[in-house]
Protein backbone atom coordinates (compact mmCIF):
# COMPACT_ATOMS: atom_id res chain seq x y z
CA MET A 1 -12.39 37.34 -32.88
CA TYR A 2 -14.10 40.74 -32.97
CA PHE A 3 -13.46 41.89 -29.39
CA SER A 4 -10.35 42.15 -27.24
CA ASN A 5 -9.70 43.44 -23.74
CA PHE A 6 -6.29 45.14 -23.46
CA ALA A 7 -6.73 45.31 -19.66
CA GLU A 8 -6.71 41.50 -19.51
CA MET A 9 -3.87 40.97 -22.00
CA GLU A 10 -0.30 40.49 -20.79
CA PHE A 11 2.45 42.68 -22.21
CA LYS A 12 4.96 40.77 -24.35
CA LYS A 13 8.63 41.73 -24.26
CA LYS A 14 9.81 42.77 -27.72
CA LYS A 15 13.34 43.52 -26.49
CA GLU A 16 14.97 45.03 -23.43
CA GLY A 17 12.86 47.97 -22.22
CA ILE A 18 10.16 47.56 -24.92
CA PHE A 19 6.83 45.84 -24.23
CA PHE A 20 3.62 45.57 -26.29
CA LYS A 21 0.21 43.99 -26.68
CA SER A 22 -1.74 44.13 -29.92
CA ILE A 23 -4.78 43.11 -31.89
CA THR A 24 -4.33 42.47 -35.57
CA GLY A 25 -6.65 42.41 -38.56
CA ASP A 26 -5.86 41.66 -42.19
CA LYS A 27 -4.87 45.24 -43.03
CA ILE A 28 -4.47 47.12 -39.72
CA GLN A 29 -3.04 46.59 -36.28
CA LEU A 30 -3.62 48.33 -32.95
CA ALA A 31 -0.76 48.13 -30.43
CA TYR A 32 -0.41 49.28 -26.84
CA ILE A 33 3.30 49.91 -26.25
CA LYS A 34 5.32 50.61 -23.13
CA LEU A 35 8.90 51.91 -23.19
CA LYS A 36 10.99 52.06 -20.02
CA PRO A 37 12.69 55.32 -18.90
CA ASN A 38 15.80 56.29 -20.92
CA GLN A 39 14.81 53.88 -23.73
CA ILE A 40 15.94 54.95 -27.21
CA THR A 41 14.70 53.54 -30.52
CA ASN A 42 15.60 54.48 -34.09
CA HIS A 43 14.36 52.60 -37.14
CA SER A 44 12.20 52.60 -40.28
CA HIS A 45 9.78 50.09 -41.79
CA ILE A 46 7.29 49.76 -44.64
CA ASN A 47 4.30 50.25 -42.33
CA GLU A 48 2.52 53.57 -41.96
CA GLN A 49 1.89 54.30 -38.30
CA MET A 50 -0.10 56.69 -36.16
CA GLY A 51 0.20 57.06 -32.43
CA TYR A 52 -1.30 58.67 -29.37
CA ILE A 53 0.67 59.28 -26.16
CA ILE A 54 -1.17 58.06 -23.04
CA SER A 55 1.46 58.90 -20.40
CA GLY A 56 5.09 59.88 -20.07
CA LYS A 57 7.28 62.28 -22.02
CA VAL A 58 9.30 61.51 -25.15
CA GLU A 59 11.44 63.22 -27.74
CA LEU A 60 10.05 61.92 -31.02
CA THR A 61 12.07 62.27 -34.21
CA ILE A 62 10.32 61.72 -37.57
CA GLY A 63 12.66 62.27 -40.51
CA GLU A 64 14.36 65.60 -39.80
CA GLU A 65 11.67 66.86 -37.37
CA LYS A 66 11.96 66.56 -33.56
CA LYS A 67 9.26 67.30 -31.02
CA ILE A 68 8.80 66.75 -27.30
CA CYS A 69 5.53 64.85 -26.89
CA SER A 70 3.49 64.06 -23.78
CA ALA A 71 0.01 62.80 -22.86
CA GLY A 72 -2.66 63.78 -25.37
CA MET A 73 -0.34 64.32 -28.34
CA ALA A 74 -0.67 62.34 -31.56
CA TYR A 75 1.62 61.77 -34.55
CA PHE A 76 1.78 60.22 -38.02
CA ILE A 77 4.82 58.44 -39.49
CA PRO A 78 4.77 57.71 -43.24
CA SER A 79 6.08 54.45 -44.70
CA ASN A 80 9.89 54.06 -44.87
CA ILE A 81 10.66 57.26 -42.86
CA GLN A 82 13.42 56.99 -40.23
CA HIS A 83 11.96 57.66 -36.78
CA GLY A 84 12.87 57.24 -33.15
CA PHE A 85 11.78 57.67 -29.56
CA ARG A 86 13.89 58.88 -26.62
CA VAL A 87 11.98 58.54 -23.34
CA LEU A 88 12.53 61.67 -21.24
CA SER A 89 10.30 60.91 -18.24
CA ASP A 90 11.21 58.96 -15.10
CA GLU A 91 8.08 56.88 -15.66
CA ASP A 92 7.22 54.46 -18.46
CA LEU A 93 6.13 55.96 -21.76
CA GLU A 94 2.77 54.42 -22.67
CA TYR A 95 1.18 54.93 -26.06
CA ILE A 96 -1.20 53.44 -28.61
CA GLU A 97 -0.18 52.94 -32.24
CA ILE A 98 -1.93 51.82 -35.42
CA PHE A 99 0.08 50.11 -38.17
CA SER A 100 -0.91 49.46 -41.78
CA PRO A 101 -0.11 46.92 -42.99
CA PRO A 102 0.27 45.06 -39.65
CA LYS A 103 3.80 44.47 -38.37
CA LYS A 104 4.43 40.73 -38.53
CA GLU A 105 6.74 40.60 -35.51
CA ALA A 106 4.05 42.19 -33.29
CA LYS A 107 1.15 39.89 -34.20
CA ILE A 108 -0.74 38.27 -31.33
């Protein structure tokens, strides 16, 4: 399958307050993620990831660095670096991320 339409795909619930839809190749993955207001995440994984904020406002921590990010901002998270999101807006945080290698639990 070479083409996908995110607009027609349903969001899947990863856990409470976290929803995603994704397309996955052999070596990369593109995910559209939605976090509910006040959602907090903090984790690390072997995957490199890059992201782009579509809407909302978030405090993003990557290693020891923190930054308030909003629509139009992008970021890079190296493999095995602790990182987390804290949604600051009263609306959903929506963003696109690329993972390499793909995250197995997010495959569609």
